[in-house]
């Protein structure tokens, strides 16, 4: 059982079942706490933008680079497939559930994975909640260089992007380590 994915890490092998259960509970608590904090921050920023800047708001923060805007995005990433909200609500929920079921062992394997997973799930859940409540996602960060604009996004989108970049970097680094060990 020592090599199976469900076995506790080697440093837990000296603990009894109650202590191992407490360790896993702590890991679940850490994941849920981070997920909740990221969701709360996403919700606060979207609520703030919705409350104060609904009417075609555009505020320059860093001239020629960063603006605050108010965009009601009915599509998915970067406004693609706009107008299919009912479908995206169900599709996003399905992806969240499948992702959690498929990756649940990896999520709780270490604190890095828990942090990155909480970012990704907070991003997906934050935008899903927007779709269910408002019928659209509220985007408000506009990054641009002069007149060339990146599509507006929100913190949930940033969470997803950061999370996936971290996964790609970790995957690339671990594959390099594997190649070095085999040569």
N, C-alpha and C. Protein backbone atom coordinates (compact mmCIF):
# COMPACT_ATOMS: atom_id res chain seq x y z
N UNK A 1 0.82 -1.20 0.00
CA UNK A 1 0.00 0.00 0.00
C UNK A 1 0.86 1.26 0.00
N UNK A 2 2.14 1.11 0.30
CA UNK A 2 3.00 2.28 0.41
C UNK A 2 3.11 3.05 -0.90
N UNK A 3 3.12 2.38 -2.05
CA UNK A 3 3.28 3.07 -3.32
C UNK A 3 1.98 3.50 -3.96
N UNK A 4 0.85 3.12 -3.39
CA UNK A 4 -0.43 3.47 -4.02
C UNK A 4 -0.74 4.94 -3.79
N UNK A 5 -1.50 5.56 -4.72
CA UNK A 5 -1.80 6.98 -4.60
C UNK A 5 -2.65 7.32 -3.38
N UNK A 6 -3.38 6.33 -2.83
CA UNK A 6 -4.24 6.63 -1.69
C UNK A 6 -3.48 6.51 -0.36
N UNK A 7 -2.28 5.98 -0.39
CA UNK A 7 -1.49 5.85 0.84
C UNK A 7 -1.00 7.21 1.28
N UNK A 8 -0.93 7.46 2.59
CA UNK A 8 -0.43 8.75 3.05
C UNK A 8 1.06 8.88 2.74
N UNK A 9 1.55 10.10 2.64
CA UNK A 9 2.98 10.30 2.38
C UNK A 9 3.82 9.63 3.46
N UNK A 10 5.08 9.34 3.12
CA UNK A 10 5.96 8.60 4.03
C UNK A 10 6.10 9.25 5.41
N UNK A 11 6.06 10.58 5.47
CA UNK A 11 6.22 11.23 6.76
C UNK A 11 4.99 11.06 7.66
N UNK A 12 3.88 10.58 7.09
CA UNK A 12 2.69 10.32 7.90
C UNK A 12 2.61 8.86 8.35
N UNK A 13 3.52 8.03 7.86
CA UNK A 13 3.44 6.61 8.16
C UNK A 13 3.62 6.29 9.65
N UNK A 14 4.21 7.20 10.39
CA UNK A 14 4.40 6.97 11.82
C UNK A 14 3.18 7.39 12.65
N UNK A 15 2.20 8.03 12.01
CA UNK A 15 1.02 8.50 12.72
C UNK A 15 -0.06 7.43 12.77
N UNK A 16 -0.94 7.53 13.77
CA UNK A 16 -2.07 6.60 13.82
C UNK A 16 -3.20 7.13 12.93
N UNK A 17 -4.26 6.37 12.78
CA UNK A 17 -5.34 6.73 11.85
C UNK A 17 -6.02 8.04 12.24
N UNK A 18 -6.16 8.30 13.51
CA UNK A 18 -6.79 9.55 13.95
C UNK A 18 -5.92 10.74 13.57
N UNK A 19 -4.62 10.62 13.76
CA UNK A 19 -3.72 11.72 13.41
C UNK A 19 -3.68 11.95 11.90
N UNK A 20 -3.72 10.88 11.14
CA UNK A 20 -3.76 11.00 9.68
C UNK A 20 -5.05 11.68 9.24
N UNK A 21 -6.17 11.27 9.86
CA UNK A 21 -7.46 11.89 9.55
C UNK A 21 -7.42 13.39 9.86
N UNK A 22 -6.83 13.77 10.98
CA UNK A 22 -6.71 15.19 11.34
C UNK A 22 -5.84 15.93 10.32
N UNK A 23 -4.78 15.28 9.84
CA UNK A 23 -3.90 15.88 8.84
C UNK A 23 -4.68 16.14 7.54
N UNK A 24 -5.44 15.17 7.10
CA UNK A 24 -6.24 15.36 5.88
C UNK A 24 -7.33 16.41 6.09
N UNK A 25 -7.92 16.47 7.26
CA UNK A 25 -8.91 17.49 7.56
C UNK A 25 -8.29 18.88 7.50
N UNK A 26 -7.07 19.01 8.03
CA UNK A 26 -6.36 20.28 7.96
C UNK A 26 -6.12 20.68 6.50
N UNK A 27 -5.75 19.72 5.67
CA UNK A 27 -5.51 20.02 4.26
C UNK A 27 -6.79 20.47 3.57
N UNK A 28 -7.90 19.81 3.86
CA UNK A 28 -9.19 20.20 3.30
C UNK A 28 -9.55 21.61 3.78
N UNK A 29 -9.34 21.88 5.07
CA UNK A 29 -9.62 23.20 5.63
C UNK A 29 -8.77 24.27 4.92
N UNK A 30 -7.48 24.00 4.71
CA UNK A 30 -6.58 24.93 4.04
C UNK A 30 -7.09 25.22 2.62
N UNK A 31 -7.50 24.18 1.90
CA UNK A 31 -8.03 24.35 0.54
C UNK A 31 -9.30 25.20 0.56
N UNK A 32 -10.23 24.86 1.43
CA UNK A 32 -11.51 25.58 1.48
C UNK A 32 -11.31 27.02 1.93
N UNK A 33 -10.40 27.25 2.87
CA UNK A 33 -10.11 28.61 3.32
C UNK A 33 -9.57 29.46 2.17
N UNK A 34 -8.59 28.94 1.44
CA UNK A 34 -8.04 29.68 0.30
C UNK A 34 -9.10 29.90 -0.77
N UNK A 35 -9.86 28.87 -1.09
CA UNK A 35 -10.92 28.98 -2.08
C UNK A 35 -11.91 30.07 -1.66
N UNK A 36 -12.31 30.07 -0.40
CA UNK A 36 -13.26 31.07 0.10
C UNK A 36 -12.69 32.47 0.03
N UNK A 37 -11.43 32.64 0.41
CA UNK A 37 -10.81 33.97 0.36
C UNK A 37 -10.72 34.50 -1.07
N UNK A 38 -10.31 33.63 -2.00
CA UNK A 38 -10.24 34.05 -3.40
C UNK A 38 -11.62 34.39 -3.95
N UNK A 39 -12.63 33.57 -3.61
CA UNK A 39 -14.00 33.85 -4.06
C UNK A 39 -14.51 35.17 -3.47
N UNK A 40 -14.23 35.40 -2.21
CA UNK A 40 -14.68 36.63 -1.56
C UNK A 40 -14.05 37.86 -2.23
N UNK A 41 -12.76 37.79 -2.49
CA UNK A 41 -12.08 38.92 -3.14
C UNK A 41 -12.65 39.16 -4.54
N UNK A 42 -12.91 38.09 -5.28
CA UNK A 42 -13.52 38.22 -6.61
C UNK A 42 -14.90 38.87 -6.50
N UNK A 43 -15.70 38.38 -5.57
CA UNK A 43 -17.05 38.91 -5.39
C UNK A 43 -17.03 40.38 -4.97
N UNK A 44 -16.14 40.74 -4.05
CA UNK A 44 -16.05 42.13 -3.58
C UNK A 44 -15.69 43.05 -4.73
N UNK A 45 -14.71 42.67 -5.54
CA UNK A 45 -14.29 43.55 -6.64
C UNK A 45 -15.39 43.68 -7.69
N UNK A 46 -16.06 42.58 -8.02
CA UNK A 46 -17.15 42.65 -9.01
C UNK A 46 -18.33 43.47 -8.47
N UNK A 47 -18.63 43.31 -7.18
CA UNK A 47 -19.72 44.09 -6.57
C UNK A 47 -19.39 45.57 -6.55
N UNK A 48 -18.16 45.90 -6.23
CA UNK A 48 -17.72 47.29 -6.20
C UNK A 48 -17.85 47.92 -7.58
N UNK A 49 -17.35 47.23 -8.59
CA UNK A 49 -17.42 47.75 -9.95
C UNK A 49 -18.88 47.88 -10.39
N UNK A 50 -19.70 46.88 -10.08
CA UNK A 50 -21.12 46.92 -10.46
C UNK A 50 -21.86 48.05 -9.78
N UNK A 51 -21.54 48.30 -8.52
CA UNK A 51 -22.25 49.33 -7.75
C UNK A 51 -21.92 50.73 -8.20
N UNK A 52 -20.67 50.99 -8.49
CA UNK A 52 -20.24 52.37 -8.74
C UNK A 52 -20.03 52.72 -10.21
N UNK A 53 -19.81 51.73 -11.05
CA UNK A 53 -19.36 52.07 -12.39
C UNK A 53 -20.21 51.45 -13.50
N UNK A 54 -21.49 51.36 -13.30
CA UNK A 54 -22.35 50.69 -14.27
C UNK A 54 -22.48 51.42 -15.59
N UNK A 55 -22.49 52.71 -15.61
CA UNK A 55 -22.80 53.47 -16.82
C UNK A 55 -21.56 53.78 -17.65
N UNK A 56 -21.17 52.85 -18.48
CA UNK A 56 -20.05 53.05 -19.42
C UNK A 56 -18.83 53.66 -18.73
N UNK A 57 -18.48 53.11 -17.63
CA UNK A 57 -17.37 53.63 -16.84
C UNK A 57 -16.04 53.28 -17.51
N UNK A 58 -15.11 54.22 -17.49
CA UNK A 58 -13.76 53.98 -17.96
C UNK A 58 -12.84 54.92 -17.18
N UNK A 59 -12.02 54.35 -16.32
CA UNK A 59 -11.13 55.15 -15.47
C UNK A 59 -9.70 54.72 -15.73
N UNK A 60 -8.86 55.66 -16.16
CA UNK A 60 -7.45 55.36 -16.38
C UNK A 60 -6.73 55.24 -15.05
N UNK A 61 -6.04 54.13 -14.86
CA UNK A 61 -5.20 53.96 -13.67
C UNK A 61 -3.75 54.23 -14.02
N UNK A 62 -3.29 53.61 -15.10
CA UNK A 62 -1.94 53.86 -15.60
C UNK A 62 -2.11 54.23 -17.08
N UNK A 63 -1.98 55.51 -17.41
CA UNK A 63 -2.24 55.95 -18.79
C UNK A 63 -1.45 55.14 -19.82
N UNK A 64 -2.15 54.71 -20.85
CA UNK A 64 -1.53 53.94 -21.92
C UNK A 64 -1.30 52.48 -21.58
N UNK A 65 -1.79 52.01 -20.38
CA UNK A 65 -1.56 50.61 -20.01
C UNK A 65 -2.72 49.94 -19.26
N UNK A 66 -3.29 50.61 -18.26
CA UNK A 66 -4.27 49.96 -17.40
C UNK A 66 -5.46 50.87 -17.11
N UNK A 67 -6.66 50.36 -17.42
CA UNK A 67 -7.90 51.09 -17.13
C UNK A 67 -8.85 50.20 -16.35
N UNK A 68 -9.75 50.84 -15.61
CA UNK A 68 -10.90 50.15 -15.04
C UNK A 68 -12.08 50.43 -15.95
N UNK A 69 -12.78 49.39 -16.34
CA UNK A 69 -13.94 49.51 -17.23
C UNK A 69 -15.07 48.67 -16.64
N UNK A 70 -16.25 48.78 -17.23
CA UNK A 70 -17.36 47.92 -16.83
C UNK A 70 -17.85 47.20 -18.08
N UNK A 71 -17.71 45.86 -18.08
CA UNK A 71 -18.12 45.06 -19.23
C UNK A 71 -18.99 43.91 -18.73
N UNK A 72 -20.13 43.73 -19.38
CA UNK A 72 -20.99 42.59 -19.09
C UNK A 72 -20.72 41.54 -20.18
N UNK A 73 -19.94 40.53 -19.84
CA UNK A 73 -19.49 39.52 -20.79
C UNK A 73 -20.45 38.33 -20.77
N UNK A 74 -21.19 38.12 -21.86
CA UNK A 74 -22.11 36.98 -21.94
C UNK A 74 -21.45 35.76 -22.59
N UNK A 75 -20.21 35.91 -23.00
CA UNK A 75 -19.50 34.79 -23.61
C UNK A 75 -18.60 34.09 -22.62
N UNK A 76 -17.65 33.36 -23.16
CA UNK A 76 -16.66 32.70 -22.30
C UNK A 76 -15.38 33.50 -22.40
N UNK A 77 -14.25 32.87 -22.34
CA UNK A 77 -12.95 33.56 -22.34
C UNK A 77 -12.88 34.58 -23.47
N UNK A 78 -12.54 35.80 -23.10
CA UNK A 78 -12.35 36.92 -24.03
C UNK A 78 -13.61 37.25 -24.82
N UNK A 79 -14.77 36.91 -24.29
CA UNK A 79 -16.03 37.25 -24.95
C UNK A 79 -16.43 36.33 -26.09
N UNK A 80 -15.70 35.24 -26.27
CA UNK A 80 -16.04 34.30 -27.34
C UNK A 80 -17.40 33.66 -27.07
N UNK A 81 -18.14 33.37 -28.12
CA UNK A 81 -19.43 32.68 -28.06
C UNK A 81 -20.43 33.43 -27.18
N UNK A 82 -20.46 34.74 -27.31
CA UNK A 82 -21.36 35.56 -26.50
C UNK A 82 -22.82 35.19 -26.77
N UNK A 83 -23.63 35.27 -25.72
CA UNK A 83 -25.06 35.07 -25.84
C UNK A 83 -25.55 33.67 -25.53
N UNK A 84 -24.67 32.73 -25.26
CA UNK A 84 -25.08 31.34 -24.98
C UNK A 84 -25.05 31.05 -23.48
N UNK A 85 -25.58 31.96 -22.67
CA UNK A 85 -25.42 31.87 -21.22
C UNK A 85 -25.96 30.60 -20.59
N UNK A 86 -27.15 30.18 -20.95
CA UNK A 86 -27.71 28.98 -20.34
C UNK A 86 -26.78 27.79 -20.53
N UNK A 87 -26.24 27.65 -21.72
CA UNK A 87 -25.32 26.55 -22.01
C UNK A 87 -24.06 26.67 -21.16
N UNK A 88 -23.48 27.88 -21.09
CA UNK A 88 -22.21 28.07 -20.37
C UNK A 88 -22.37 27.87 -18.87
N UNK A 89 -23.56 28.19 -18.34
CA UNK A 89 -23.80 27.93 -16.91
C UNK A 89 -23.66 26.44 -16.61
N UNK A 90 -24.34 25.61 -17.40
CA UNK A 90 -24.30 24.17 -17.17
C UNK A 90 -22.94 23.57 -17.53
N UNK A 91 -22.37 24.04 -18.61
CA UNK A 91 -21.07 23.52 -19.04
C UNK A 91 -19.99 23.83 -18.00
N UNK A 92 -20.00 25.06 -17.47
CA UNK A 92 -19.02 25.44 -16.45
C UNK A 92 -19.19 24.61 -15.19
N UNK A 93 -20.43 24.41 -14.76
CA UNK A 93 -20.68 23.60 -13.57
C UNK A 93 -20.20 22.17 -13.79
N UNK A 94 -20.45 21.63 -14.97
CA UNK A 94 -19.99 20.29 -15.29
C UNK A 94 -18.47 20.20 -15.26
N UNK A 95 -17.78 21.19 -15.82
CA UNK A 95 -16.31 21.20 -15.79
C UNK A 95 -15.78 21.30 -14.37
N UNK A 96 -16.42 22.10 -13.52
CA UNK A 96 -15.98 22.23 -12.13
C UNK A 96 -16.10 20.89 -11.42
N UNK A 97 -17.23 20.23 -11.59
CA UNK A 97 -17.45 18.94 -10.92
C UNK A 97 -16.49 17.87 -11.45
N UNK A 98 -16.34 17.78 -12.76
CA UNK A 98 -15.43 16.79 -13.34
C UNK A 98 -13.99 17.08 -12.90
N UNK A 99 -13.60 18.35 -12.92
CA UNK A 99 -12.25 18.72 -12.50
C UNK A 99 -11.98 18.32 -11.06
N UNK A 100 -12.94 18.57 -10.18
CA UNK A 100 -12.73 18.21 -8.78
C UNK A 100 -12.66 16.70 -8.60
N UNK A 101 -13.55 15.98 -9.24
CA UNK A 101 -13.55 14.51 -9.11
C UNK A 101 -12.26 13.92 -9.68
N UNK A 102 -11.87 14.39 -10.85
CA UNK A 102 -10.70 13.83 -11.54
C UNK A 102 -9.39 14.17 -10.83
N UNK A 103 -9.30 15.39 -10.29
CA UNK A 103 -8.03 15.85 -9.71
C UNK A 103 -8.02 15.89 -8.18
N UNK A 104 -9.01 15.33 -7.51
CA UNK A 104 -9.10 15.47 -6.05
C UNK A 104 -7.88 14.94 -5.31
N UNK A 105 -7.28 13.85 -5.79
CA UNK A 105 -6.09 13.32 -5.11
C UNK A 105 -4.89 14.24 -5.34
N UNK A 106 -4.77 14.77 -6.54
CA UNK A 106 -3.67 15.68 -6.85
C UNK A 106 -3.82 17.00 -6.08
N UNK A 107 -5.06 17.47 -5.93
CA UNK A 107 -5.32 18.73 -5.23
C UNK A 107 -4.75 18.68 -3.82
N UNK A 108 -4.96 17.57 -3.13
CA UNK A 108 -4.57 17.48 -1.73
C UNK A 108 -3.21 16.82 -1.53
N UNK A 109 -2.43 16.68 -2.61
CA UNK A 109 -1.13 16.02 -2.48
C UNK A 109 -0.09 16.89 -1.76
N UNK A 110 -0.17 18.21 -1.92
CA UNK A 110 0.75 19.11 -1.19
C UNK A 110 0.16 20.52 -1.17
N UNK A 111 0.78 21.40 -0.42
CA UNK A 111 0.22 22.74 -0.24
C UNK A 111 0.28 23.57 -1.52
N UNK A 112 1.28 23.37 -2.35
CA UNK A 112 1.35 24.08 -3.63
C UNK A 112 0.15 23.72 -4.49
N UNK A 113 -0.16 22.43 -4.60
CA UNK A 113 -1.31 22.01 -5.40
C UNK A 113 -2.62 22.51 -4.81
N UNK A 114 -2.71 22.55 -3.49
CA UNK A 114 -3.93 23.06 -2.86
C UNK A 114 -4.11 24.55 -3.16
N UNK A 115 -3.04 25.31 -3.11
CA UNK A 115 -3.13 26.74 -3.39
C UNK A 115 -3.48 26.99 -4.85
N UNK A 116 -2.80 26.32 -5.75
CA UNK A 116 -3.07 26.49 -7.18
C UNK A 116 -4.48 26.01 -7.52
N UNK A 117 -4.88 24.89 -6.96
CA UNK A 117 -6.23 24.36 -7.21
C UNK A 117 -7.30 25.30 -6.67
N UNK A 118 -7.04 25.89 -5.51
CA UNK A 118 -8.03 26.83 -4.97
C UNK A 118 -8.14 28.06 -5.87
N UNK A 119 -7.04 28.49 -6.47
CA UNK A 119 -7.11 29.59 -7.45
C UNK A 119 -7.98 29.21 -8.64
N UNK A 120 -7.71 28.04 -9.21
CA UNK A 120 -8.43 27.61 -10.41
C UNK A 120 -9.92 27.42 -10.11
N UNK A 121 -10.23 26.72 -9.02
CA UNK A 121 -11.63 26.49 -8.70
C UNK A 121 -12.34 27.79 -8.31
N UNK A 122 -11.65 28.70 -7.62
CA UNK A 122 -12.26 29.99 -7.28
C UNK A 122 -12.56 30.78 -8.55
N UNK A 123 -11.66 30.74 -9.51
CA UNK A 123 -11.90 31.43 -10.78
C UNK A 123 -13.10 30.87 -11.51
N UNK A 124 -13.16 29.55 -11.61
CA UNK A 124 -14.28 28.92 -12.31
C UNK A 124 -15.60 29.14 -11.57
N UNK A 125 -15.58 28.97 -10.26
CA UNK A 125 -16.81 29.14 -9.47
C UNK A 125 -17.25 30.60 -9.45
N UNK A 126 -16.29 31.54 -9.33
CA UNK A 126 -16.63 32.96 -9.33
C UNK A 126 -17.34 33.39 -10.59
N UNK A 127 -16.84 32.97 -11.74
CA UNK A 127 -17.49 33.33 -13.00
C UNK A 127 -18.80 32.57 -13.18
N UNK A 128 -18.86 31.33 -12.71
CA UNK A 128 -20.11 30.57 -12.78
C UNK A 128 -21.21 31.25 -11.96
N UNK A 129 -20.86 31.71 -10.76
CA UNK A 129 -21.83 32.41 -9.91
C UNK A 129 -22.35 33.66 -10.62
N UNK A 130 -21.45 34.40 -11.26
CA UNK A 130 -21.87 35.58 -12.04
C UNK A 130 -22.88 35.21 -13.11
N UNK A 131 -22.60 34.14 -13.84
CA UNK A 131 -23.51 33.73 -14.92
C UNK A 131 -24.89 33.36 -14.37
N UNK A 132 -24.90 32.66 -13.25
CA UNK A 132 -26.18 32.22 -12.67
C UNK A 132 -26.95 33.42 -12.13
N UNK A 133 -26.29 34.32 -11.41
CA UNK A 133 -26.98 35.45 -10.77
C UNK A 133 -27.31 36.56 -11.75
N UNK A 134 -26.34 36.95 -12.58
CA UNK A 134 -26.51 38.12 -13.44
C UNK A 134 -26.83 37.79 -14.89
N UNK A 135 -26.55 36.57 -15.32
CA UNK A 135 -26.71 36.22 -16.73
C UNK A 135 -25.50 36.61 -17.56
N UNK A 136 -24.47 37.11 -16.92
CA UNK A 136 -23.22 37.50 -17.59
C UNK A 136 -22.10 37.55 -16.54
N UNK A 137 -20.89 37.66 -17.02
CA UNK A 137 -19.73 37.81 -16.13
C UNK A 137 -19.32 39.27 -16.16
N UNK A 138 -19.00 39.80 -15.00
CA UNK A 138 -18.59 41.20 -14.90
C UNK A 138 -17.06 41.26 -15.04
N UNK A 139 -16.62 41.92 -16.10
CA UNK A 139 -15.19 42.13 -16.34
C UNK A 139 -14.89 43.61 -16.14
N UNK A 140 -13.70 43.91 -15.63
CA UNK A 140 -13.41 45.32 -15.33
C UNK A 140 -11.95 45.70 -15.47
N UNK A 141 -11.06 44.78 -15.72
CA UNK A 141 -9.64 45.11 -15.86
C UNK A 141 -9.31 45.17 -17.35
N UNK A 142 -8.82 46.31 -17.78
CA UNK A 142 -8.50 46.51 -19.20
C UNK A 142 -7.02 46.85 -19.30
N UNK A 143 -6.25 45.88 -19.81
CA UNK A 143 -4.82 46.10 -20.03
C UNK A 143 -4.61 46.37 -21.52
N UNK A 144 -3.84 47.39 -21.81
CA UNK A 144 -3.61 47.76 -23.20
C UNK A 144 -2.27 48.46 -23.35
N UNK A 145 -1.78 48.42 -24.55
CA UNK A 145 -0.60 49.19 -24.91
C UNK A 145 -1.06 50.14 -26.01
N UNK A 146 -1.15 51.41 -25.64
CA UNK A 146 -1.70 52.45 -26.50
C UNK A 146 -3.11 52.05 -26.92
N UNK A 147 -3.37 51.82 -28.20
CA UNK A 147 -4.74 51.48 -28.63
C UNK A 147 -4.97 49.97 -28.78
N UNK A 148 -3.98 49.15 -28.50
CA UNK A 148 -4.11 47.70 -28.62
C UNK A 148 -4.53 47.10 -27.27
N UNK A 149 -5.79 46.69 -27.18
CA UNK A 149 -6.37 46.24 -25.92
C UNK A 149 -6.44 44.72 -25.84
N UNK A 150 -6.07 44.20 -24.67
CA UNK A 150 -6.35 42.81 -24.32
C UNK A 150 -7.82 42.80 -23.88
N UNK A 151 -8.57 41.74 -24.17
CA UNK A 151 -9.98 41.75 -23.73
C UNK A 151 -10.09 41.95 -22.21
N UNK A 152 -11.10 42.69 -21.80
CA UNK A 152 -11.30 42.97 -20.37
C UNK A 152 -11.48 41.65 -19.62
N UNK A 153 -11.01 41.64 -18.37
CA UNK A 153 -11.12 40.44 -17.55
C UNK A 153 -11.36 40.84 -16.10
N UNK A 154 -11.48 39.84 -15.23
CA UNK A 154 -11.72 40.09 -13.81
C UNK A 154 -10.75 39.25 -12.99
N UNK A 155 -10.87 39.29 -11.67
CA UNK A 155 -9.95 38.52 -10.82
C UNK A 155 -10.11 37.02 -11.03
N UNK A 156 -11.35 36.56 -11.24
CA UNK A 156 -11.56 35.12 -11.48
C UNK A 156 -10.78 34.66 -12.70
N UNK A 157 -10.79 35.46 -13.75
CA UNK A 157 -10.03 35.13 -14.96
C UNK A 157 -8.53 35.11 -14.65
N UNK A 158 -8.09 36.07 -13.85
CA UNK A 158 -6.67 36.12 -13.46
C UNK A 158 -6.30 34.88 -12.64
N UNK A 159 -7.18 34.47 -11.72
CA UNK A 159 -6.93 33.26 -10.93
C UNK A 159 -6.74 32.05 -11.85
N UNK A 160 -7.65 31.90 -12.81
CA UNK A 160 -7.57 30.76 -13.74
C UNK A 160 -6.26 30.79 -14.51
N UNK A 161 -5.91 31.96 -15.02
CA UNK A 161 -4.69 32.10 -15.81
C UNK A 161 -3.45 31.79 -14.98
N UNK A 162 -3.36 32.37 -13.79
CA UNK A 162 -2.21 32.13 -12.91
C UNK A 162 -2.13 30.65 -12.55
N UNK A 163 -3.27 30.05 -12.21
CA UNK A 163 -3.29 28.63 -11.84
C UNK A 163 -2.81 27.74 -12.95
N UNK A 164 -3.31 27.96 -14.17
CA UNK A 164 -2.90 27.12 -15.29
C UNK A 164 -1.45 27.34 -15.68
N UNK A 165 -0.97 28.57 -15.59
CA UNK A 165 0.45 28.83 -15.87
C UNK A 165 1.32 28.09 -14.85
N UNK A 166 0.94 28.11 -13.59
CA UNK A 166 1.70 27.38 -12.56
C UNK A 166 1.71 25.88 -12.83
N UNK A 167 0.58 25.35 -13.25
CA UNK A 167 0.52 23.91 -13.58
C UNK A 167 1.44 23.59 -14.75
N UNK A 168 1.41 24.43 -15.79
CA UNK A 168 2.28 24.21 -16.95
C UNK A 168 3.75 24.30 -16.57
N UNK A 169 4.10 25.29 -15.75
CA UNK A 169 5.49 25.43 -15.31
C UNK A 169 5.93 24.24 -14.47
N UNK A 170 5.06 23.81 -13.55
CA UNK A 170 5.40 22.65 -12.73
C UNK A 170 5.57 21.40 -13.59
N UNK A 171 4.69 21.25 -14.56
CA UNK A 171 4.77 20.09 -15.45
C UNK A 171 6.07 20.12 -16.26
N UNK A 172 6.43 21.29 -16.77
CA UNK A 172 7.67 21.41 -17.54
C UNK A 172 8.88 21.13 -16.67
N UNK A 173 8.88 21.66 -15.46
CA UNK A 173 10.01 21.43 -14.55
C UNK A 173 10.11 19.97 -14.12
N UNK A 174 8.97 19.34 -13.85
CA UNK A 174 9.01 17.94 -13.43
C UNK A 174 9.43 17.02 -14.57
N UNK A 175 9.06 17.38 -15.81
CA UNK A 175 9.50 16.55 -16.93
C UNK A 175 11.00 16.71 -17.18
N UNK A 176 11.54 17.92 -16.92
CA UNK A 176 12.99 18.12 -17.01
C UNK A 176 13.72 17.27 -15.97
N UNK A 177 13.16 17.23 -14.74
CA UNK A 177 13.78 16.42 -13.68
C UNK A 177 13.74 14.94 -14.05
N UNK A 178 12.65 14.50 -14.67
CA UNK A 178 12.53 13.10 -15.06
C UNK A 178 13.55 12.77 -16.14
N UNK A 179 13.74 13.68 -17.09
CA UNK A 179 14.73 13.45 -18.16
C UNK A 179 16.13 13.38 -17.58
N UNK A 180 16.46 14.27 -16.62
CA UNK A 180 17.77 14.26 -16.01
C UNK A 180 18.02 12.97 -15.22
N UNK A 181 16.98 12.43 -14.56
CA UNK A 181 17.14 11.20 -13.79
C UNK A 181 17.37 10.00 -14.70
N UNK A 182 16.78 9.99 -15.88
CA UNK A 182 16.91 8.84 -16.78
C UNK A 182 18.20 8.87 -17.58
N UNK A 183 18.88 10.03 -17.65
CA UNK A 183 20.11 10.09 -18.43
C UNK A 183 21.33 9.95 -17.58
